[in-house]
C-alpha atoms as a PDB file:
ATOM      1  CA  MET A   1     -32.126   9.662   8.760  1.00  0.00           C
ATOM      2  CA  ALA A   2     -28.486   9.676   7.735  1.00  0.00           C
ATOM      3  CA  ARG A   3     -26.434   6.521   8.046  1.00  0.00           C
ATOM      4  CA  GLN A   4     -23.714   6.421  10.702  1.00  0.00           C
ATOM      5  CA  LEU A   5     -20.122   6.786   9.447  1.00  0.00           C
ATOM      6  CA  TYR A   6     -17.557   4.544  11.129  1.00  0.00           C
ATOM      7  CA  TRP A   7     -13.782   4.770  10.799  1.00  0.00           C
ATOM      8  CA  ARG A   8     -11.763   1.562  10.687  1.00  0.00           C
ATOM      9  CA  ARG A   9      -8.041   2.155  10.932  1.00  0.00           C
ATOM     10  CA  GLY A  10      -4.787   0.281  10.870  1.00  0.00           C
ATOM     11  CA  ASN A  11      -1.043   0.859  10.978  1.00  0.00           C
ATOM     12  CA  VAL A  12       1.607  -1.353   9.461  1.00  0.00           C
ATOM     13  CA  GLU A  13       5.122  -0.513  10.566  1.00  0.00           C
ATOM     14  CA  TYR A  14       7.605  -2.560   8.554  1.00  0.00           C
ATOM     15  CA  ALA A  15       5.170  -5.067   7.055  1.00  0.00           C
ATOM     16  CA  GLN A  16       5.291  -8.786   7.649  1.00  0.00           C
ATOM     17  CA  GLY A  17       7.812  -8.625  10.477  1.00  0.00           C
ATOM     18  CA  ALA A  18      10.172  -6.239   8.701  1.00  0.00           C
ATOM     19  CA  ALA A  19      10.425  -8.509   5.674  1.00  0.00           C
ATOM     20  CA  TYR A  20      12.617  -7.269   2.840  1.00  0.00           C
ATOM     21  CA  SER A  21      10.578  -8.244  -0.201  1.00  0.00           C
ATOM     22  CA  ASN A  22       9.478  -7.328  -3.717  1.00  0.00           C
ATOM     23  CA  GLY A  23       5.831  -7.273  -2.699  1.00  0.00           C
ATOM     24  CA  PHE A  24       3.469  -7.098   0.248  1.00  0.00           C
ATOM     25  CA  THR A  25      -0.198  -7.947   0.651  1.00  0.00           C
ATOM     26  CA  ILE A  26      -1.908  -6.389   3.676  1.00  0.00           C
ATOM     27  CA  GLN A  27      -5.456  -7.282   4.715  1.00  0.00           C
ATOM     28  CA  GLY A  28      -7.183  -4.122   5.886  1.00  0.00           C
ATOM     29  CA  ALA A  29     -10.582  -3.124   7.217  1.00  0.00           C
ATOM     30  CA  PHE A  30     -13.621  -5.393   6.908  1.00  0.00           C
ATOM     31  CA  VAL A  31     -16.723  -3.983   5.168  1.00  0.00           C
ATOM     32  CA  ASP A  32     -19.863  -5.950   5.954  1.00  0.00           C
ATOM     33  CA  GLU A  33     -22.594  -6.738   3.440  1.00  0.00           C
ATOM     34  CA  GLY A  34     -24.897  -3.700   3.260  1.00  0.00           C
ATOM     35  CA  GLU A  35     -22.198  -1.273   4.418  1.00  0.00           C
ATOM     36  CA  THR A  36     -20.530   1.137   2.004  1.00  0.00           C
ATOM     37  CA  LEU A  37     -16.862   2.013   1.912  1.00  0.00           C
ATOM     38  CA  THR A  38     -16.938   5.742   1.179  1.00  0.00           C
ATOM     39  CA  LYS A  39     -13.406   6.985   1.641  1.00  0.00           C
ATOM     40  CA  VAL A  40      -9.914   5.790   2.483  1.00  0.00           C
ATOM     41  CA  TRP A  41      -7.128   7.982   3.813  1.00  0.00           C
ATOM     42  CA  LEU A  42      -3.773   6.365   3.054  1.00  0.00           C
ATOM     43  CA  THR A  43      -0.150   7.114   3.830  1.00  0.00           C
ATOM     44  CA  TRP A  44       2.521   4.716   2.624  1.00  0.00           C
ATOM     45  CA  TYR A  45       6.250   4.421   2.243  1.00  0.00           C
ATOM     46  CA  ALA A  46       8.568   1.844   0.646  1.00  0.00           C
ATOM     47  CA  GLN A  47      12.328   1.904   1.057  1.00  0.00           C
ATOM     48  CA  HIS A  48      15.101  -0.021  -0.643  1.00  0.00           C
ATOM     49  CA  VAL A  49      18.374  -0.209   1.280  1.00  0.00           C
ATOM     50  CA  SER A  50      21.153   0.488  -1.201  1.00  0.00           C
ATOM     51  CA  ARG A  51      24.199  -1.720  -1.180  1.00  0.00           C
ATOM     52  CA  ASN A  52      25.798   0.519  -3.806  1.00  0.00           C
ATOM     53  CA  LYS A  53      25.078   4.132  -4.690  1.00  0.00           C
ATOM     54  CA  GLY A  54      22.120   4.337  -7.074  1.00  0.00           C
ATOM     55  CA  ASP A  55      21.355   0.642  -6.581  1.00  0.00           C
ATOM     56  CA  GLY A  56      17.563   0.979  -6.613  1.00  0.00           C
ATOM     57  CA  LEU A  57      17.335   4.315  -8.429  1.00  0.00           C
ATOM     58  CA  GLY A  58      14.491   4.220 -10.942  1.00  0.00           C
ATOM     59  CA  MET A  59      13.311   0.702 -10.063  1.00  0.00           C
ATOM     60  CA  GLY A  60       9.527   0.498 -10.354  1.00  0.00           C
ATOM     61  CA  ILE A  61       6.963  -0.133  -7.622  1.00  0.00           C
ATOM     62  CA  ALA A  62       3.164  -0.015  -7.647  1.00  0.00           C
ATOM     63  CA  LEU A  63       0.594   0.078  -4.862  1.00  0.00           C
ATOM     64  CA  GLY A  64      -3.022  -0.934  -5.301  1.00  0.00           C
ATOM     65  CA  VAL A  65      -5.989  -0.737  -2.930  1.00  0.00           C
ATOM     66  CA  ILE A  66      -8.853  -3.101  -3.726  1.00  0.00           C
ATOM     67  CA  MET A  67     -12.049  -4.480  -2.161  1.00  0.00           C
ATOM     68  CA  GLY A  68     -12.032  -8.263  -1.958  1.00  0.00           C
ATOM     69  CA  GLU A  69     -14.688 -10.772  -1.015  1.00  0.00           C
ATOM     70  CA  ALA A  70     -14.670 -12.306   2.474  1.00  0.00           C
ATOM     71  CA  GLY A  71     -13.068 -15.536   1.254  1.00  0.00           C
ATOM     72  CA  TRP A  72     -10.094 -13.869  -0.387  1.00  0.00           C
ATOM     73  CA  THR A  73      -6.597 -14.762   0.712  1.00  0.00           C
ATOM     74  CA  ALA A  74      -3.415 -12.929  -0.231  1.00  0.00           C
ATOM     75  CA  ALA A  75      -3.160 -15.208  -3.296  1.00  0.00           C
ATOM     76  CA  ASP A  76      -6.474 -13.830  -4.648  1.00  0.00           C
ATOM     77  CA  VAL A  77      -5.356 -10.189  -4.615  1.00  0.00           C
ATOM     78  CA  PRO A  78      -4.210  -8.914  -8.049  1.00  0.00           C
ATOM     79  CA  ASP A  79      -0.621  -7.800  -8.596  1.00  0.00           C
ATOM     80  CA  PRO A  80      -0.625  -4.007  -9.086  1.00  0.00           C
ATOM     81  CA  TRP A  81       2.545  -3.962 -11.174  1.00  0.00           C
ATOM     82  CA  ASP A  82       1.387  -6.666 -13.600  1.00  0.00           C
ATOM     83  CA  GLN A  83      -2.369  -5.935 -13.467  1.00  0.00           C
ATOM     84  CA  PRO A  84      -2.754  -2.145 -13.535  1.00  0.00           C
ATOM     85  CA  ASN A  85      -6.308  -2.405 -14.901  1.00  0.00           C
ATOM     86  CA  ALA A  86      -7.816  -4.454 -12.052  1.00  0.00           C
ATOM     87  CA  ASP A  87     -10.798  -2.933 -10.196  1.00  0.00           C
ATOM     88  CA  TRP A  88      -8.557  -0.806  -7.965  1.00  0.00           C
ATOM     89  CA  LEU A  89      -9.961   1.719  -5.502  1.00  0.00           C
ATOM     90  CA  TRP A  90      -6.542   3.350  -5.795  1.00  0.00           C
ATOM     91  CA  TYR A  91      -3.616   2.635  -8.066  1.00  0.00           C
ATOM     92  CA  GLU A  92      -0.263   4.371  -7.723  1.00  0.00           C
ATOM     93  CA  PRO A  93       2.890   3.427  -9.605  1.00  0.00           C
ATOM     94  CA  GLY A  94       6.240   5.082  -8.979  1.00  0.00           C
ATOM     95  CA  TYR A  95      10.008   4.747  -9.089  1.00  0.00           C
ATOM     96  CA  PHE A  96      12.521   4.649  -6.248  1.00  0.00           C
ATOM     97  CA  MET A  97      14.569   7.803  -5.715  1.00  0.00           C
ATOM     98  CA  PRO A  98      17.699   8.132  -3.557  1.00  0.00           C
ATOM     99  CA  GLN A  99      17.721   9.844  -0.192  1.00  0.00           C
ATOM    100  CA  LEU A 100      21.103  10.500   1.415  1.00  0.00           C
ATOM    101  CA  LEU A 101      21.529   9.867   5.126  1.00  0.00           C
ATOM    102  CA  SER A 102      24.570  11.294   6.901  1.00  0.00           C
ATOM    103  CA  SER A 103      25.921  10.196  10.254  1.00  0.00           C
ATOM    104  CA  PRO A 104      27.671  12.489  12.751  1.00  0.00           C
ATOM    105  CA  GLU A 105      30.897  10.725  11.749  1.00  0.00           C
ATOM    106  CA  GLY A 106      30.485  12.011   8.186  1.00  0.00           C
ATOM    107  CA  VAL A 107      29.457   8.704   6.632  1.00  0.00           C
ATOM    108  CA  THR A 108      26.796   9.133   3.953  1.00  0.00           C
ATOM    109  CA  ASP A 109      24.538   6.216   3.099  1.00  0.00           C
ATOM    110  CA  GLU A 110      21.806   5.993   0.508  1.00  0.00           C
ATOM    111  CA  VAL A 111      18.279   4.675   0.889  1.00  0.00           C
ATOM    112  CA  ASP A 112      16.003   4.574  -2.166  1.00  0.00           C
ATOM    113  CA  VAL A 113      12.399   5.508  -1.376  1.00  0.00           C
ATOM    114  CA  TYR A 114       8.949   5.921  -2.869  1.00  0.00           C
ATOM    115  CA  PRO A 115       7.038   8.139  -2.473  1.00  0.00           C
ATOM    116  CA  ILE A 116       9.616  10.834  -1.833  1.00  0.00           C
ATOM    117  CA  ASP A 117       7.334  12.680   0.613  1.00  0.00           C
ATOM    118  CA  ASN A 118       5.726  10.015   2.772  1.00  0.00           C
ATOM    119  CA  SER A 119       3.813  12.613   4.796  1.00  0.00           C
ATOM    120  CA  VAL A 120       1.310  13.120   1.944  1.00  0.00           C
ATOM    121  CA  LYS A 121      -2.056  11.533   2.711  1.00  0.00           C
ATOM    122  CA  ARG A 122      -3.953  10.126  -0.248  1.00  0.00           C
ATOM    123  CA  GLU A 123      -7.695  10.727  -0.147  1.00  0.00           C
ATOM    124  CA  ILE A 124      -9.323   7.817  -1.963  1.00  0.00           C
ATOM    125  CA  ARG A 125     -12.951   8.491  -2.879  1.00  0.00           C
ATOM    126  CA  ALA A 126     -13.753   5.306  -4.799  1.00  0.00           C
ATOM    127  CA  GLN A 127     -16.886   3.928  -3.136  1.00  0.00           C
ATOM    128  CA  ARG A 128     -17.694   0.226  -2.925  1.00  0.00           C
ATOM    129  CA  LYS A 129     -20.569  -1.642  -1.311  1.00  0.00           C
ATOM    130  CA  GLY A 130     -19.627  -4.550   0.888  1.00  0.00           C
ATOM    131  CA  PRO A 131     -19.958  -7.711  -1.219  1.00  0.00           C
ATOM    132  CA  VAL A 132     -22.321 -10.553  -0.326  1.00  0.00           C
ATOM    133  CA  GLY A 133     -20.920 -11.964   2.911  1.00  0.00           C
ATOM    134  CA  GLY A 134     -18.741  -8.876   3.384  1.00  0.00           C
ATOM    135  CA  GLY A 135     -15.186  -8.281   2.324  1.00  0.00           C
ATOM    136  CA  ASN A 136     -11.880  -6.672   3.153  1.00  0.00           C
ATOM    137  CA  VAL A 137      -9.982  -3.708   1.834  1.00  0.00           C
ATOM    138  CA  TRP A 138      -6.573  -4.989   0.686  1.00  0.00           C
ATOM    139  CA  PHE A 139      -3.367  -2.984   0.269  1.00  0.00           C
ATOM    140  CA  VAL A 140      -0.831  -4.592  -2.043  1.00  0.00           C
ATOM    141  CA  THR A 141       2.518  -3.591  -3.514  1.00  0.00           C
ATOM    142  CA  ASN A 142       4.757  -5.220  -6.049  1.00  0.00           C
ATOM    143  CA  THR A 143       7.820  -4.206  -7.988  1.00  0.00           C
ATOM    144  CA  SER A 144       9.130  -4.464 -11.508  1.00  0.00           C
ATOM    145  CA  THR A 145      10.779  -7.762 -12.380  1.00  0.00           C
ATOM    146  CA  LEU A 146      13.579  -5.862 -14.143  1.00  0.00           C
ATOM    147  CA  SER A 147      15.899  -6.361 -11.183  1.00  0.00           C
ATOM    148  CA  PRO A 148      14.407  -8.296  -8.251  1.00  0.00           C
ATOM    149  CA  GLU A 149      17.447  -7.649  -6.039  1.00  0.00           C
ATOM    150  CA  GLN A 150      17.473  -3.908  -6.667  1.00  0.00           C
ATOM    151  CA  SER A 151      13.757  -3.394  -6.028  1.00  0.00           C
ATOM    152  CA  ARG A 152      13.328  -5.335  -2.765  1.00  0.00           C
ATOM    153  CA  ASN A 153      11.992  -3.033  -0.086  1.00  0.00           C
ATOM    154  CA  TYR A 154      10.484  -2.502   3.321  1.00  0.00           C
ATOM    155  CA  LEU A 155       6.882  -1.242   3.505  1.00  0.00           C
ATOM    156  CA  CYS A 156       5.080   0.941   6.029  1.00  0.00           C
ATOM    157  CA  LEU A 157       1.494   2.196   5.700  1.00  0.00           C
ATOM    158  CA  SER A 158      -1.402   3.651   7.657  1.00  0.00           C
ATOM    159  CA  TYR A 159      -5.030   3.736   6.610  1.00  0.00           C
ATOM    160  CA  SER A 160      -8.403   5.053   7.756  1.00  0.00           C
ATOM    161  CA  CYS A 161     -11.437   3.552   6.016  1.00  0.00           C
ATOM    162  CA  GLY A 162     -14.714   5.503   6.257  1.00  0.00           C
ATOM    163  CA  VAL A 163     -17.586   3.025   6.223  1.00  0.00           C
ATOM    164  CA  LEU A 164     -21.291   3.926   6.165  1.00  0.00           C
ATOM    165  CA  ALA A 165     -23.512   1.645   8.241  1.00  0.00           C
ATOM    166  CA  ALA A 166     -26.017  -0.557   6.432  1.00  0.00           C
ATOM    167  CA  ALA A 167     -29.272   1.203   5.528  1.00  0.00           C
END
């Protein structure tokens, strides 16, 4: 008999109370011991509000998705920018690109974003068994330390975690 597939979802609109930060750590779906995380669908978007034209252009950002043990706190989650070789389910680095926003009054402002097309859903197929005692899927971003002011950002993300029931 096939194991039941459950979907555990979450939405984060402007993470941590619309904080403007260089990094975010989001605790996602719980995977119990004996269950298997089989797939994650992920959409995410980071935006830097430019004070000057080209302010955040080319500043680096990385997102990592990782399975952590039940006792993990945000401090236990690796930094995706500084630790690209951690045991990531998904690892995606990128660089902010400008998007021009025009008002009806003819004022043009710039917002630097990554990824450029935030409608693209990432299909993550890296399977993990729930660790002893269970664990959470964590979503974490961090930026380059080249210019902390120019790489601060807002973060939005949505996820769907496909979890197979314990055998």
